[in-house]
Protein backbone atom coordinates (compact mmCIF):
# COMPACT_ATOMS: atom_id res chain seq x y z
CA MET A 1 0.05 0.42 -0.05
CA LYS A 2 2.87 2.32 0.64
CA THR A 3 4.33 1.83 -2.64
CA LEU A 4 1.35 2.58 -4.56
CA PHE A 5 1.09 5.66 -2.38
CA LYS A 6 4.55 6.69 -3.28
CA ALA A 7 3.71 6.13 -7.11
CA VAL A 8 0.43 8.12 -7.08
CA ILE A 9 2.39 10.85 -5.42
CA LEU A 10 5.70 10.79 -7.76
CA ILE A 11 2.99 10.74 -10.63
CA VAL A 12 1.14 14.11 -9.09
CA ILE A 13 4.59 15.56 -8.70
CA LEU A 14 5.77 14.79 -12.04
CA SER A 15 2.98 16.22 -13.83
CA THR A 16 2.82 19.35 -12.00
CA CYS A 17 6.71 20.16 -12.02
CA SER A 18 7.44 18.57 -15.50
CA GLY A 19 5.28 20.56 -17.65
CA LEU A 20 2.08 18.88 -18.15
CA ASN A 21 0.91 21.64 -20.52
CA ALA A 22 3.92 20.97 -22.67
CA ALA A 23 3.28 17.37 -22.74
CA GLU A 24 -0.02 17.71 -23.83
CA SER A 25 1.29 20.05 -26.74
CA VAL A 26 3.46 17.56 -27.71
CA LEU A 27 0.92 14.81 -27.75
CA ALA A 28 -1.35 17.31 -29.86
CA GLY A 29 1.63 17.30 -32.15
CA GLU A 30 3.51 20.27 -31.17
CA THR A 31 7.03 20.53 -29.76
CA PRO A 32 8.33 23.76 -28.21
CA SER A 33 10.30 24.20 -31.62
CA ASP A 34 6.98 23.76 -33.62
CA GLY A 35 5.64 26.38 -31.60
CA VAL A 36 8.80 28.70 -32.23
CA LYS A 37 8.24 28.10 -36.08
CA ARG A 38 4.51 28.50 -35.93
CA ILE A 39 4.95 32.06 -34.09
CA MET A 40 7.57 33.20 -36.24
CA ALA A 41 5.08 32.35 -38.97
CA LEU A 42 2.62 34.06 -37.67
CA ARG A 43 4.79 37.24 -36.97
CA ALA A 44 5.56 37.67 -40.63
CA GLU A 45 1.91 37.22 -41.31
CA PHE A 46 0.73 39.92 -39.15
CA ASN A 47 3.69 42.33 -40.56
CA GLU A 48 1.91 41.67 -44.05
CA ALA A 49 -1.49 42.27 -42.87
CA ILE A 50 0.12 45.50 -41.70
CA GLU A 51 2.25 46.19 -44.64
CA ASN A 52 -1.33 45.67 -46.94
CA HIS A 53 -3.38 47.62 -44.68
CA ASP A 54 -5.68 44.57 -43.79
CA ALA A 55 -7.13 45.68 -40.46
CA ALA A 56 -9.38 42.53 -40.65
CA SER A 57 -7.37 40.16 -40.58
CA ILE A 58 -5.45 41.39 -37.97
CA GLU A 59 -8.12 40.25 -35.81
CA LYS A 60 -7.00 36.37 -35.91
CA TYR A 61 -3.47 37.32 -34.52
CA ILE A 62 -4.99 39.21 -31.10
CA ASP A 63 -5.84 37.18 -28.05
CA SER A 64 -9.18 38.30 -26.39
CA GLU A 65 -7.40 39.53 -23.43
CA TYR A 66 -4.88 41.47 -25.49
CA GLN A 67 -2.82 44.58 -23.86
CA ILE A 68 -0.36 47.01 -25.29
CA THR A 69 1.83 49.57 -24.20
CA THR A 70 2.57 51.68 -27.15
CA SER A 71 6.19 53.25 -27.67
CA ASN A 72 5.35 56.31 -26.27
CA GLY A 73 4.22 54.32 -22.78
CA ASP A 74 0.52 54.59 -23.10
CA GLN A 75 -1.37 51.44 -22.43
CA PHE A 76 -4.70 50.15 -23.97
CA GLN A 77 -6.46 46.84 -23.15
CA GLY A 78 -9.28 45.71 -25.51
CA ALA A 79 -10.83 42.73 -27.70
CA PRO A 80 -9.58 41.69 -31.10
CA LYS A 81 -12.46 43.94 -32.67
CA GLU A 82 -11.17 47.24 -30.72
CA GLU A 83 -7.54 46.30 -32.09
CA VAL A 84 -9.15 46.27 -35.74
CA ALA A 85 -10.80 49.26 -35.60
CA ASP A 86 -7.40 50.87 -34.27
CA TRP A 87 -5.50 49.72 -37.08
CA ALA A 88 -8.34 50.78 -39.47
CA LYS A 89 -7.94 54.32 -38.13
CA ILE A 90 -4.25 54.05 -38.44
CA PHE A 91 -4.59 53.20 -41.81
CA LYS A 92 -7.13 55.45 -42.84
CA GLU A 93 -4.73 58.51 -41.37
CA ARG A 94 -1.57 57.21 -42.62
CA PRO A 95 -2.27 55.73 -46.13
CA ASP A 96 1.65 54.43 -46.40
CA VAL A 97 2.29 53.51 -42.92
CA VAL A 98 3.87 50.43 -42.10
CA TYR A 99 5.16 48.57 -38.99
CA ILE A 100 7.58 46.06 -39.00
CA ARG A 101 8.47 43.62 -36.06
CA THR A 102 11.46 41.84 -36.59
CA PRO A 103 11.97 38.82 -33.51
CA ASP A 104 15.29 38.34 -32.29
CA THR A 105 14.11 35.64 -30.20
CA VAL A 106 11.00 33.33 -29.71
CA GLU A 107 10.83 31.08 -26.86
CA VAL A 108 8.12 28.61 -26.11
CA SER A 109 7.65 27.89 -22.16
CA SER A 110 7.87 24.14 -21.38
CA TYR A 111 5.12 24.36 -18.76
CA TYR A 112 2.76 26.81 -19.78
CA ASP A 113 0.99 27.32 -23.16
CA LEU A 114 2.68 30.78 -23.30
CA ALA A 115 5.57 32.00 -25.52
CA ALA A 116 7.99 35.04 -25.21
CA GLU A 117 9.05 37.37 -28.25
CA ASN A 118 11.84 39.59 -28.31
CA GLY A 119 12.77 41.71 -30.80
CA LYS A 120 13.13 45.28 -32.35
CA TRP A 121 10.38 47.24 -34.43
CA VAL A 122 10.39 50.11 -37.05
CA GLY A 123 7.62 52.13 -38.27
CA ARG A 124 7.50 54.74 -41.41
CA TRP A 125 5.04 56.80 -42.89
CA SER A 126 4.74 60.32 -44.50
CA SER A 127 2.87 63.25 -43.72
CA SER A 128 2.53 66.68 -45.35
CA GLU A 129 5.57 67.80 -43.07
CA GLY A 130 7.92 65.12 -44.37
CA ASN A 131 8.98 61.19 -43.72
CA VAL A 132 8.89 59.87 -40.14
CA GLU A 133 10.50 56.74 -38.92
CA ILE A 134 10.33 55.56 -35.17
CA GLY A 135 12.07 52.27 -33.82
CA GLY A 136 12.72 50.41 -31.19
CA LYS A 137 12.76 47.42 -29.20
CA TYR A 138 9.62 45.45 -28.24
CA PHE A 139 8.43 42.43 -26.24
CA ALA A 140 5.21 40.32 -27.02
CA GLN A 141 3.52 37.48 -25.05
CA TRP A 142 2.02 34.63 -27.05
CA ARG A 143 -0.69 32.59 -25.74
CA LYS A 144 -1.92 29.49 -27.09
CA VAL A 145 -5.97 29.30 -27.27
CA ASP A 146 -7.85 26.35 -28.73
CA GLY A 147 -4.87 25.03 -30.42
CA GLU A 148 -3.89 28.58 -31.87
CA TRP A 149 -1.23 30.96 -30.91
CA LYS A 150 -2.46 34.46 -30.25
CA VAL A 151 -0.75 37.77 -29.32
CA ARG A 152 -1.84 38.47 -25.72
CA THR A 153 0.50 41.15 -24.65
CA GLU A 154 2.79 43.84 -26.37
CA VAL A 155 5.04 46.33 -25.19
CA PHE A 156 6.72 48.60 -27.34
CA VAL A 157 9.67 50.84 -26.34
CA GLY A 158 10.42 53.88 -28.18
CA MET A 159 14.11 53.97 -29.04
CA TYR A 160 14.36 56.82 -31.80
CA CYS A 161 12.39 59.02 -34.06
CA ASN A 162 13.62 60.56 -36.95
CA GLY A 163 11.94 63.30 -39.40
CA SER A 164 9.04 65.45 -39.06
CA GLY A 165 7.28 65.77 -35.82
CA CYS A 166 9.96 63.54 -33.95
């Protein structure tokens, strides 16, 4: 009886400490390496949607509990549809705007259905006063929801601004 009890305790401890979520992901066919590749592909698609000013398709990348800290320190929290509306407004106000996020690293948690992305970002547009380029560093937290990776949190730090209006 003691041996059975110890075995049950050991299974509970191993399940808790060894990354049950990661094990579930592996069983579902995704390794952490697969997750990194998928997130990198999603980031490229997200960048392409911005480049094409396709606000509607941005919704599929955004988590239902999305939060953002913008390059100047403003913070917002909203649903994917609110984020789509914000992008549509940006695209209308700045017809040639583009933002590119370039990941330096993406790491998938071995325990939670979460991932961390770090990189550099740049935004460019023109105005009646001239061209603007801003950029800096960013961090994104991704969360796996119903088998799909979604951006839950993004923090952008503006490190430079060149051009008119800076």
